[in-house]
């Protein structure tokens, strides 16, 4: 049985909670009832119950103050906060104190039952994990490898012999699983390597400080792993919710000796921490591709002016200025990429920005029936987002909805906004499929109306924009052709050559040479 403390200043509420659900059948036992916050905190610190149900408004000490003090004193159990109201300020504060659950009064029996079942299952899983850990002995090999990877032990000849590490090169990969559609992903990537026939002599799998770590040993498996990463860039991408579609890889650089693999591990950890700032559908990051220096800011940046962004975006919505709104959100995204805020702090700030904008728009247009989503749903959407870009797209959709609900929004004005977006984001890996959701369209329908508006399909228009900017760079800058290809959005320089020659009738080098000859340079 998991022990429960009920804390509420009203005795009738305490008795009601004690009788509303079959506690023992659900795996819980009520071991205490108190009527003020100080008694609740003392009980928690002395008895350490697994679950505390506490009213937010308590005499002596507020419910959230109790939660905060308990956490500071090492309490790791679960809280269910009881409240007579529900608002964002409370929810945000509760999140910061590790409170994952709250119920509004009067308490709904079904909701409480569901919540208790969830908490019981969580504790059951934890108990099973601890039992499994107790049964497993610590292997000397894993301990030594962990010390080498974390830089606590040099990879000398004796260690190399002991661990049979006699390879020409090494590479460290940190991976994590994620999926919204699959609730329980029961596999790990190293298990996929086993199934694919990879010899365990070629890799080691460890869990270091909650990181899933693969040490790849030798050019053979490193090369095969590169082919796996190549599948994400190929046209035939992994199927939705297949093993490869639900894993993110952070790949450190290749190293020649054991002394250097701690650096590869450090790079991989840095990259996985920056995953939130990568593109929404990104499945891997490498030290060579993404550049570790981008994650290491030279100096602290100024604080983000959240209030200023609220005012500016409210103005965009009220004036139906979609172009400016897109630019402002992109500016906000860039500020977050290079800010010193932790990811959770950024998410909380973006929640606050959204809710303030929602409140201001609802006041200005109080006579208009705007189909807002609930505050709780908005908070959930932002907190559960895997990437910053995903949150920016969510905000874009919500603000677009507000404009559409509060004023006249013709199809042509939206198309103009889309064209504006393409013209300003041509250097990114954009596609019809990635743009359509930002403006509330499906890609097929958007393709048809863009074709009608511009007299050409999306890809042709995008190529025209990219080639146009490439011409300017060839004339004004001294970059090599492959660099210009990257700057205008082509990852493959050969493909850039084909598109440029099709548009101009000459290669990029020939275009630059002819211009210089004609201008006398």
Protein backbone atom coordinates (compact mmCIF):
# COMPACT_ATOMS: atom_id res chain seq x y z
CA UNK A 1 0.00 0.00 0.00
CA UNK A 2 1.16 3.51 -0.80
CA UNK A 3 0.59 5.94 2.06
CA UNK A 4 -1.53 9.09 1.65
CA UNK A 5 -1.77 12.35 3.61
CA UNK A 6 -4.92 14.48 3.15
CA UNK A 7 -4.48 18.16 4.04
CA UNK A 8 -7.47 20.53 3.97
CA UNK A 9 -8.65 23.13 6.47
CA UNK A 10 -12.27 21.90 6.20
CA UNK A 11 -12.97 18.67 8.08
CA UNK A 12 -15.97 17.85 5.90
CA UNK A 13 -13.73 18.02 2.80
CA UNK A 14 -11.18 15.70 4.41
CA UNK A 15 -13.88 13.17 5.27
CA UNK A 16 -15.36 13.46 1.80
CA UNK A 17 -12.01 12.77 0.14
CA UNK A 18 -11.48 9.77 2.42
CA UNK A 19 -14.75 8.23 1.24
CA UNK A 20 -15.04 9.33 -2.40
CA UNK A 21 -12.95 6.45 -3.83
CA UNK A 22 -12.02 2.91 -2.67
CA UNK A 23 -8.50 3.85 -1.60
CA UNK A 24 -7.33 0.38 -0.59
CA UNK A 25 -8.56 -1.24 -3.80
CA UNK A 26 -6.57 1.37 -5.70
CA UNK A 27 -3.44 0.49 -3.71
CA UNK A 28 -3.41 3.38 -1.21
CA UNK A 29 -3.84 3.77 2.53
CA UNK A 30 -4.76 7.07 4.20
CA UNK A 31 -2.29 7.48 7.08
CA UNK A 32 -2.96 11.06 8.10
CA UNK A 33 -5.31 14.05 7.96
CA UNK A 34 -4.28 17.60 8.88
CA UNK A 35 -6.00 20.99 8.79
CA UNK A 36 -3.18 23.51 8.22
CA UNK A 37 -0.07 23.91 6.10
CA UNK A 38 2.54 23.76 8.87
CA UNK A 39 1.15 20.48 10.21
CA UNK A 40 1.15 19.13 6.66
CA UNK A 41 4.82 20.00 6.15
CA UNK A 42 5.82 18.45 9.48
CA UNK A 43 3.91 15.26 8.69
CA UNK A 44 5.53 15.01 5.24
CA UNK A 45 9.07 15.45 6.59
CA UNK A 46 8.52 12.98 9.48
CA UNK A 47 6.44 10.25 7.79
CA UNK A 48 7.46 10.65 4.11
CA UNK A 49 4.13 9.48 2.59
CA UNK A 50 4.12 8.51 -1.08
CA UNK A 51 1.21 10.86 -1.90
CA UNK A 52 -0.01 14.19 -0.50
CA UNK A 53 -3.41 15.66 -1.37
CA UNK A 54 -3.37 19.28 -0.26
CA UNK A 55 -5.58 22.33 -0.71
CA UNK A 56 -3.88 25.32 -2.33
CA UNK A 57 -5.50 27.69 0.23
CA UNK A 58 -4.33 26.49 3.65
CA UNK A 59 -3.98 28.43 6.92
CA UNK A 60 -0.47 28.76 8.28
CA UNK A 61 1.20 27.92 4.96
CA UNK A 62 -0.23 27.79 1.42
CA UNK A 63 -0.37 24.46 -0.38
CA UNK A 64 2.29 25.42 -2.92
CA UNK A 65 4.52 26.75 -0.13
CA UNK A 66 4.28 23.34 1.52
CA UNK A 67 5.23 21.67 -1.76
CA UNK A 68 8.18 24.04 -2.22
CA UNK A 69 9.49 23.54 1.34
CA UNK A 70 9.04 19.77 1.12
CA UNK A 71 10.99 19.59 -2.14
CA UNK A 72 13.79 21.70 -0.68
CA UNK A 73 14.02 19.24 2.20
CA UNK A 74 14.34 16.24 -0.10
CA UNK A 75 10.76 15.01 -0.37
CA UNK A 76 10.33 13.06 -3.64
CA UNK A 77 6.74 11.85 -3.32
CA UNK A 78 3.75 12.96 -5.39
CA UNK A 79 1.46 15.93 -4.78
CA UNK A 80 -2.15 16.36 -5.86
CA UNK A 81 -3.08 20.02 -5.40
CA UNK A 82 -6.75 20.81 -4.70
CA UNK A 83 -8.02 24.19 -5.86
CA UNK A 84 -11.28 26.05 -6.11
CA UNK A 85 -10.06 27.70 -9.29
CA UNK A 86 -7.77 27.00 -12.25
CA UNK A 87 -5.43 29.55 -13.80
CA UNK A 88 -2.08 29.65 -15.49
CA UNK A 89 -0.17 31.45 -12.74
CA UNK A 90 -0.98 28.62 -10.35
CA UNK A 91 -0.23 25.90 -12.91
CA UNK A 92 3.13 27.44 -13.82
CA UNK A 93 4.20 27.76 -10.18
CA UNK A 94 3.07 24.21 -9.49
CA UNK A 95 5.17 22.91 -12.40
CA UNK A 96 8.28 24.57 -10.94
CA UNK A 97 7.72 22.68 -7.65
CA UNK A 98 7.40 19.33 -9.37
CA UNK A 99 3.62 19.17 -8.94
CA UNK A 100 2.28 17.25 -11.92
CA UNK A 101 -1.33 16.86 -10.84
CA UNK A 102 -4.09 19.10 -9.58
CA UNK A 103 -7.85 18.86 -9.24
CA UNK A 104 -10.46 21.58 -8.97
CA UNK A 105 -13.19 21.41 -6.36
CA UNK A 106 -15.62 19.75 -6.19
CA UNK A 107 -13.38 16.76 -6.89
CA UNK A 108 -14.59 14.52 -9.70
CA UNK A 109 -14.56 10.86 -8.61
CA UNK A 110 -13.55 9.50 -12.03
CA UNK A 111 -10.73 12.00 -12.45
CA UNK A 112 -9.37 11.24 -8.99
CA UNK A 113 -9.58 7.49 -9.63
CA UNK A 114 -7.74 7.84 -12.94
CA UNK A 115 -5.07 9.99 -11.33
CA UNK A 116 -4.53 7.55 -8.48
CA UNK A 117 -4.20 4.64 -10.90
CA UNK A 118 -1.59 6.59 -12.84
CA UNK A 119 0.39 7.41 -9.69
CA UNK A 120 0.17 3.79 -8.46
CA UNK A 121 1.46 2.49 -11.82
CA UNK A 122 4.30 4.99 -11.65
CA UNK A 123 5.32 3.79 -8.20
CA UNK A 124 4.93 0.15 -9.25
CA UNK A 125 7.28 0.69 -12.20
CA UNK A 126 9.77 2.45 -9.94
CA UNK A 127 9.66 -0.41 -7.46
CA UNK A 128 10.23 -2.95 -10.25
CA UNK A 129 13.17 -0.94 -11.56
CA UNK A 130 14.77 -0.69 -8.13
CA UNK A 131 14.31 -4.41 -7.56
CA UNK A 132 15.91 -5.17 -10.92
CA UNK A 133 18.85 -2.89 -10.16
CA UNK A 134 19.38 -4.59 -6.80
CA UNK A 135 19.54 -8.00 -8.50
CA UNK A 136 22.10 -6.93 -11.07
CA UNK A 137 25.75 -6.73 -10.05
CA UNK A 138 27.89 -3.87 -11.27
CA UNK A 139 30.14 -5.07 -14.09
CA UNK A 140 33.79 -4.05 -13.96
CA UNK A 141 33.87 -3.50 -17.73
CA UNK A 142 30.99 -1.03 -17.70
CA UNK A 143 32.50 0.84 -14.75
CA UNK A 144 35.85 1.22 -16.51
CA UNK A 145 34.23 2.31 -19.76
CA UNK A 146 32.13 4.85 -17.90
CA UNK A 147 35.23 6.35 -16.28
CA UNK A 148 36.99 6.54 -19.65
CA UNK A 149 33.99 8.15 -21.37
CA UNK A 150 33.57 10.73 -18.61
CA UNK A 151 37.28 11.58 -18.60
CA UNK A 152 37.99 10.10 -15.18
CA UNK A 153 40.38 7.40 -16.38
CA UNK A 154 43.07 7.54 -19.10
CA UNK A 155 42.94 4.86 -21.78
CA UNK A 156 46.35 3.32 -21.12
CA UNK A 157 47.72 0.03 -22.48
CA UNK A 158 46.62 -1.97 -19.46
CA UNK A 159 43.06 -0.70 -19.75
CA UNK A 160 43.07 -1.30 -23.50
CA UNK A 161 44.16 -4.90 -22.93
CA UNK A 162 41.68 -5.44 -20.09
CA UNK A 163 38.75 -4.21 -22.19
CA UNK A 164 40.01 -5.67 -25.47
CA UNK A 165 39.87 -2.25 -27.08
CA UNK A 166 42.27 -2.47 -29.99
CA UNK A 167 40.55 -0.49 -32.75
CA UNK A 168 41.80 2.23 -35.07
CA UNK A 169 38.92 4.61 -34.39
CA UNK A 170 35.99 5.20 -32.07
CA UNK A 171 32.81 7.26 -32.04
CA UNK A 172 30.32 8.03 -29.27
CA UNK A 173 26.58 8.25 -29.94
CA UNK A 174 23.98 9.38 -27.39
CA UNK A 175 20.39 8.53 -28.28
CA UNK A 176 16.94 9.01 -26.84
CA UNK A 177 13.47 7.79 -27.82
CA UNK A 178 10.48 9.99 -28.45
CA UNK A 179 7.01 9.56 -29.93
CA UNK A 180 3.55 10.92 -29.27
CA UNK A 181 1.73 8.09 -31.00
CA UNK A 182 3.56 5.23 -29.29
CA UNK A 183 2.99 5.26 -25.52
CA UNK A 184 5.59 2.65 -24.58
CA UNK A 185 8.57 2.10 -26.84
CA UNK A 186 9.89 -1.20 -25.58
CA UNK A 187 13.08 -1.30 -27.67
CA UNK A 188 16.46 0.40 -27.53
CA UNK A 189 18.65 1.16 -30.51
CA UNK A 190 21.37 -1.19 -29.32
CA UNK A 191 18.76 -3.99 -29.45
CA UNK A 192 18.18 -3.08 -33.10
CA UNK A 193 21.92 -3.51 -33.68
CA UNK A 194 21.67 -6.99 -32.16
CA UNK A 195 18.78 -7.93 -34.43
CA UNK A 196 20.64 -6.58 -37.48
CA UNK A 197 23.51 -8.96 -36.82
CA UNK A 198 26.08 -6.51 -35.49
CA UNK A 199 28.68 -8.21 -33.30
CA UNK A 200 28.78 -6.95 -29.72
CA UNK A 201 32.56 -6.82 -30.12
CA UNK A 202 32.03 -3.75 -32.34
CA UNK A 203 30.08 -1.64 -29.85
CA UNK A 204 29.33 -1.15 -26.16
CA UNK A 205 26.04 0.10 -24.75
CA UNK A 206 25.97 1.93 -21.41
CA UNK A 207 23.68 4.19 -19.43
CA UNK A 208 25.69 7.12 -18.04
CA UNK A 209 23.91 9.80 -15.98
CA UNK A 210 20.61 8.89 -17.69
CA UNK A 211 22.19 9.12 -21.16
CA UNK A 212 21.81 6.11 -23.48
CA UNK A 213 25.36 5.80 -24.82
CA UNK A 214 26.79 3.73 -27.67
CA UNK A 215 30.54 3.41 -28.10
CA UNK A 216 31.12 2.41 -31.73
CA UNK A 217 34.45 0.63 -32.25
CA UNK A 218 36.12 0.40 -35.63
CA UNK A 219 35.55 1.87 -39.08
CA UNK A 220 33.19 -0.96 -40.08
CA UNK A 221 30.38 -0.23 -37.66
CA UNK A 222 31.02 3.53 -37.83
CA UNK A 223 30.49 3.37 -41.59
CA UNK A 224 27.34 1.28 -41.23
CA UNK A 225 25.98 3.71 -38.66
CA UNK A 226 26.57 6.58 -41.12
CA UNK A 227 24.41 4.70 -43.62
CA UNK A 228 21.64 4.53 -41.01
CA UNK A 229 21.83 8.31 -40.59
CA UNK A 230 21.73 8.63 -44.38
CA UNK A 231 18.27 7.09 -44.39
CA UNK A 232 16.91 10.24 -42.74
CA UNK A 233 18.16 12.35 -45.66
CA UNK A 234 17.00 9.98 -48.37
CA UNK A 235 13.64 10.21 -50.12
CA UNK A 236 12.57 6.89 -48.58
CA UNK A 237 12.49 8.02 -44.94
CA UNK A 238 11.65 5.67 -42.02
CA UNK A 239 7.97 4.84 -41.70
CA UNK A 240 5.98 6.70 -39.06
CA UNK A 241 6.56 5.17 -35.59
CA UNK A 242 9.06 2.65 -36.92
CA UNK A 243 12.08 2.23 -34.60
CA UNK A 244 14.22 4.68 -36.58
CA UNK A 245 11.41 7.25 -36.67
CA UNK A 246 11.18 7.38 -32.88
CA UNK A 247 14.87 7.89 -32.01
CA UNK A 248 17.09 10.98 -31.90
CA UNK A 249 20.86 10.54 -32.25
CA UNK A 250 23.55 12.95 -31.03
CA UNK A 251 26.81 11.94 -32.68
CA UNK A 252 30.23 12.98 -31.41
CA UNK A 253 33.19 13.19 -33.77
CA UNK A 254 35.39 10.19 -34.61
CA UNK A 255 38.48 9.70 -32.43
CA UNK A 256 41.64 7.66 -32.96
CA UNK A 257 42.47 6.79 -29.34
CA UNK A 258 40.72 5.94 -26.09
CA UNK A 259 42.13 9.10 -24.51
CA UNK A 260 40.00 11.15 -26.92
CA UNK A 261 36.63 9.41 -26.65
CA UNK A 262 35.63 11.46 -23.60
CA UNK A 263 35.70 14.48 -25.95
CA UNK A 264 33.39 12.65 -28.39
CA UNK A 265 31.03 11.86 -25.49
CA UNK A 266 31.10 15.49 -24.34
CA UNK A 267 30.22 16.67 -27.86
CA UNK A 268 27.31 14.22 -28.06
CA UNK A 269 25.91 15.41 -24.71
CA UNK A 270 26.11 19.03 -25.82
CA UNK A 271 24.33 18.22 -29.07
CA UNK A 272 21.48 16.33 -27.41
CA UNK A 273 20.90 19.26 -25.06
CA UNK A 274 20.54 21.48 -28.14
CA UNK A 275 18.04 19.16 -29.84
CA UNK A 276 15.17 21.45 -28.80
CA UNK A 277 16.53 24.14 -31.13
CA UNK A 278 16.83 21.97 -34.24
CA UNK A 279 14.23 21.57 -36.97
CA UNK A 280 10.98 19.92 -35.90
CA UNK A 281 11.48 16.65 -37.80
CA UNK A 282 15.22 16.39 -37.16
CA UNK A 283 16.39 12.94 -36.02
CA UNK A 284 20.12 13.45 -35.57
CA UNK A 285 22.82 16.02 -34.94
CA UNK A 286 26.56 15.63 -35.50
CA UNK A 287 29.54 17.61 -34.28
CA UNK A 288 30.65 18.22 -37.88
CA UNK A 289 27.22 19.21 -39.21
CA UNK A 290 25.89 21.32 -36.36
CA UNK A 291 29.02 22.84 -34.88
CA UNK A 292 29.57 22.62 -31.14
CA UNK A 293 30.54 26.29 -31.01
CA UNK A 294 26.92 27.27 -31.71
CA UNK A 295 25.93 25.85 -28.33
CA UNK A 296 28.69 27.68 -26.46
CA UNK A 297 27.78 31.35 -26.22
CA UNK A 298 30.72 33.73 -25.94
CA UNK A 299 28.92 36.07 -23.55
CA UNK A 300 25.55 36.17 -21.79
CA UNK A 301 22.79 37.71 -23.91
CA UNK A 302 20.31 40.27 -22.66
CA UNK A 303 17.00 39.06 -21.29
CA UNK A 304 14.19 38.51 -23.77
CA UNK A 305 11.66 41.34 -23.72
CA UNK A 306 8.57 39.16 -23.36
CA UNK A 307 6.26 42.12 -22.70
CA UNK A 308 7.53 43.85 -25.83
CA UNK A 309 6.80 40.77 -27.93
CA UNK A 310 3.30 40.59 -26.47
CA UNK A 311 2.57 44.19 -27.45
CA UNK A 312 4.03 43.78 -30.95
CA UNK A 313 2.20 40.54 -31.70
CA UNK A 314 -1.11 41.89 -30.38
CA UNK A 315 -0.63 44.81 -32.77
CA UNK A 316 0.01 42.40 -35.68
CA UNK A 317 -3.17 40.46 -34.89
CA UNK A 318 -5.31 43.58 -34.55
CA UNK A 319 -4.04 44.99 -37.87
CA UNK A 320 -4.05 41.58 -39.66
CA UNK A 321 -0.36 42.09 -40.46
CA UNK A 322 0.64 38.50 -41.18
CA UNK A 323 3.97 39.40 -42.76
CA UNK A 324 5.16 41.29 -39.70
CA UNK A 325 3.81 38.58 -37.38
CA UNK A 326 5.89 35.96 -39.22
CA UNK A 327 9.00 38.12 -38.94
CA UNK A 328 8.44 38.84 -35.24
CA UNK A 329 7.98 35.15 -34.40
CA UNK A 330 11.13 34.30 -36.34
CA UNK A 331 13.00 36.99 -34.41
CA UNK A 332 11.67 35.53 -31.15
CA UNK A 333 12.78 32.05 -32.22
CA UNK A 334 16.32 33.29 -32.93
CA UNK A 335 16.49 35.03 -29.57
CA UNK A 336 15.59 31.82 -27.77
CA UNK A 337 18.15 29.80 -29.77
CA UNK A 338 20.95 32.00 -28.45
CA UNK A 339 19.56 32.81 -25.01
CA UNK A 340 20.89 31.46 -21.72
CA UNK A 341 17.49 30.28 -20.51
CA UNK A 342 16.94 26.61 -19.80
CA UNK A 343 14.43 24.87 -22.08
CA UNK A 344 11.74 24.71 -19.35
CA UNK A 345 12.20 28.41 -18.64
CA UNK A 346 11.77 29.17 -22.33
CA UNK A 347 8.61 27.08 -22.53
CA UNK A 348 7.15 28.79 -19.45
CA UNK A 349 7.91 32.20 -20.92
CA UNK A 350 6.27 31.29 -24.24
CA UNK A 351 3.22 30.02 -22.35
CA UNK A 352 3.04 33.37 -20.61
CA UNK A 353 3.39 35.26 -23.92
CA UNK A 354 0.60 33.23 -25.53
CA UNK A 355 -1.81 33.58 -22.59
CA UNK A 356 -1.25 37.33 -22.29
CA UNK A 357 -1.94 37.75 -26.02
CA UNK A 358 -5.03 35.58 -25.74
CA UNK A 359 -6.30 37.62 -22.80
CA UNK A 360 -5.76 40.96 -24.58
CA UNK A 361 -7.42 39.79 -27.81
CA UNK A 362 -10.39 38.33 -25.90
CA UNK A 363 -10.88 41.69 -24.14
CA UNK A 364 -10.63 43.76 -27.34
CA UNK A 365 -12.97 41.40 -29.24
CA UNK A 366 -15.19 40.36 -26.32
CA UNK A 367 -18.29 40.37 -28.56
CA UNK A 368 -16.67 37.98 -31.07
CA UNK A 369 -16.92 34.22 -30.65
CA UNK A 370 -13.23 33.29 -31.04
CA UNK A 371 -12.59 29.49 -30.91
CA UNK A 372 -9.74 29.62 -28.38
CA UNK A 373 -8.36 26.36 -27.09
CA UNK A 374 -8.36 26.01 -23.29
CA UNK A 375 -5.46 27.39 -21.25
CA UNK A 376 -4.71 23.91 -19.96
CA UNK A 377 -4.51 22.53 -23.50
CA UNK A 378 -2.23 25.38 -24.62
CA UNK A 379 0.06 24.78 -21.64
CA UNK A 380 0.17 21.06 -22.42
CA UNK A 381 0.91 21.65 -26.11
CA UNK A 382 3.85 23.92 -25.35
CA UNK A 383 5.30 21.90 -22.47
CA UNK A 384 5.17 18.65 -24.48
CA UNK A 385 6.73 20.13 -27.63
CA UNK A 386 9.95 18.46 -28.72
CA UNK A 387 11.31 21.51 -30.56
CA UNK A 388 11.27 25.30 -30.47
CA UNK A 389 10.08 25.34 -34.09
CA UNK A 390 7.07 23.24 -33.10
CA UNK A 391 6.07 25.89 -30.53
CA UNK A 392 6.54 28.73 -33.03
CA UNK A 393 4.27 26.87 -35.49
CA UNK A 394 1.67 26.39 -32.75
CA UNK A 395 1.74 30.12 -31.94
CA UNK A 396 1.51 30.96 -35.65
CA UNK A 397 -1.58 28.77 -36.05
CA UNK A 398 -3.25 30.28 -32.98
CA UNK A 399 -2.56 33.88 -34.01
CA UNK A 400 -3.73 33.15 -37.57
CA UNK A 401 -6.93 31.73 -36.11
CA UNK A 402 -7.42 34.92 -34.05
CA UNK A 403 -7.02 37.10 -37.14
CA UNK A 404 -9.40 34.96 -39.15
CA UNK A 405 -12.01 35.05 -36.38
CA UNK A 406 -11.82 38.78 -35.72
CA UNK A 407 -11.72 40.27 -39.22
CA UNK A 408 -11.93 39.81 -42.98
CA UNK A 409 -9.23 37.43 -44.23
CA UNK A 410 -9.20 36.83 -47.96
CA UNK A 411 -7.45 33.92 -49.55
CA UNK A 412 -5.22 36.30 -51.52
CA UNK A 413 -3.93 38.00 -48.35
CA UNK A 414 -2.93 34.63 -46.93
CA UNK A 415 -1.20 33.67 -50.18
CA UNK A 416 0.73 36.94 -50.08
CA UNK A 417 1.86 36.03 -46.56
CA UNK A 418 2.96 32.59 -47.75
CA UNK A 419 4.96 34.10 -50.63
CA UNK A 420 6.51 36.53 -48.14
CA UNK A 421 7.49 33.58 -45.95
CA UNK A 422 9.11 31.72 -48.88
CA UNK A 423 11.02 34.83 -49.94
CA UNK A 424 12.49 35.19 -46.44
CA UNK A 425 13.15 31.52 -45.66
CA UNK A 426 14.43 30.16 -48.99
CA UNK A 427 17.78 29.24 -47.43
CA UNK A 428 16.13 26.76 -45.04
CA UNK A 429 15.08 23.22 -45.87
CA UNK A 430 11.50 24.30 -46.63
CA UNK A 431 8.93 22.34 -48.55
CA UNK A 432 5.24 22.59 -49.39
CA UNK A 433 4.57 20.01 -46.66
CA UNK A 434 6.40 22.07 -44.02
CA UNK A 435 4.87 25.43 -44.98
CA UNK A 436 1.21 24.36 -45.32
CA UNK A 437 0.52 23.71 -41.59
CA UNK A 438 1.92 27.11 -40.64
CA UNK A 439 -0.92 28.79 -42.53
CA UNK A 440 -3.71 26.31 -41.82
CA UNK A 441 -3.69 24.49 -45.18
CA UNK A 442 -3.05 20.94 -46.28
CA UNK A 443 -0.15 20.69 -48.71
CA UNK A 444 -2.18 19.44 -51.68
CA UNK A 445 -4.69 22.31 -51.60
CA UNK A 446 -2.00 24.90 -50.93
CA UNK A 447 -0.03 23.64 -53.95
CA UNK A 448 -3.04 24.19 -56.20
CA UNK A 449 -3.78 27.75 -55.09
CA UNK A 450 -0.09 28.74 -55.18
CA UNK A 451 0.13 27.39 -58.73
CA UNK A 452 -2.90 29.43 -59.73
CA UNK A 453 -1.57 32.57 -58.03
CA UNK A 454 2.01 32.40 -59.36
CA UNK A 455 1.55 30.48 -62.61
CA UNK A 456 4.08 27.86 -61.54
CA UNK A 457 4.41 25.13 -58.93
CA UNK A 458 5.98 25.60 -55.51
CA UNK A 459 9.32 23.95 -56.29
CA UNK A 460 9.80 25.99 -59.47
CA UNK A 461 9.12 29.23 -57.60
CA UNK A 462 11.49 28.22 -54.78
CA UNK A 463 14.23 27.42 -57.30
CA UNK A 464 13.74 30.82 -58.94
CA UNK A 465 14.15 32.61 -55.62
CA UNK A 466 17.22 30.58 -54.70
CA UNK A 467 18.90 31.06 -58.09
CA UNK A 468 18.16 34.80 -57.94
CA UNK A 469 19.92 35.13 -54.60
CA UNK A 470 22.75 32.88 -55.81
CA UNK A 471 23.36 35.34 -58.69
CA UNK A 472 23.71 38.20 -56.21
CA UNK A 473 26.20 36.21 -54.11
CA UNK A 474 28.24 35.20 -57.16
CA UNK A 475 28.54 38.87 -58.13
CA UNK A 476 29.01 40.51 -54.72
CA UNK A 477 30.86 37.85 -52.70
CA UNK A 478 33.98 35.72 -53.14
CA UNK A 479 32.47 32.56 -51.67
CA UNK A 480 33.21 29.26 -53.38
CA UNK A 481 30.31 27.77 -55.34
CA UNK A 482 29.61 25.00 -52.83
CA UNK A 483 29.30 27.63 -50.06
CA UNK A 484 26.85 29.70 -52.10
CA UNK A 485 24.82 26.54 -52.73
CA UNK A 486 24.52 26.05 -48.97
CA UNK A 487 23.65 29.70 -48.33
CA UNK A 488 20.70 29.62 -50.73
CA UNK A 489 19.32 26.32 -49.48
CA UNK A 490 20.89 23.57 -51.61
CA UNK A 491 22.62 20.86 -49.58
CA UNK A 492 23.86 19.15 -52.76
CA UNK A 493 26.18 21.30 -54.89
CA UNK A 494 25.64 19.14 -57.99
CA UNK A 495 21.89 19.67 -57.75
CA UNK A 496 22.54 23.40 -57.40
CA UNK A 497 24.58 23.33 -60.63
CA UNK A 498 21.70 21.66 -62.47
CA UNK A 499 19.10 24.17 -61.25
CA UNK A 500 21.34 27.18 -61.90
CA UNK A 501 22.23 26.11 -65.43
CA UNK A 502 18.60 25.33 -66.24
CA UNK A 503 17.64 28.86 -65.18
CA UNK A 504 20.56 30.85 -66.68
CA UNK A 505 21.95 28.60 -69.40
CA UNK A 506 25.38 28.56 -67.80
CA UNK A 507 27.14 27.16 -64.75
CA UNK A 508 27.65 29.32 -61.61
CA UNK A 509 31.37 29.66 -62.38
CA UNK A 510 30.64 30.71 -65.96
CA UNK A 511 28.07 33.25 -64.73
CA UNK A 512 30.58 34.82 -62.32
CA UNK A 513 33.32 34.87 -64.97
CA UNK A 514 31.07 36.47 -67.61
CA UNK A 515 29.89 39.15 -65.22
CA UNK A 516 33.46 40.07 -64.29
CA UNK A 517 34.48 40.21 -67.95
CA UNK A 518 31.53 42.45 -68.82
CA UNK A 519 32.16 44.74 -65.86
CA UNK A 520 35.91 44.92 -66.52
CA UNK A 521 36.89 43.44 -63.17
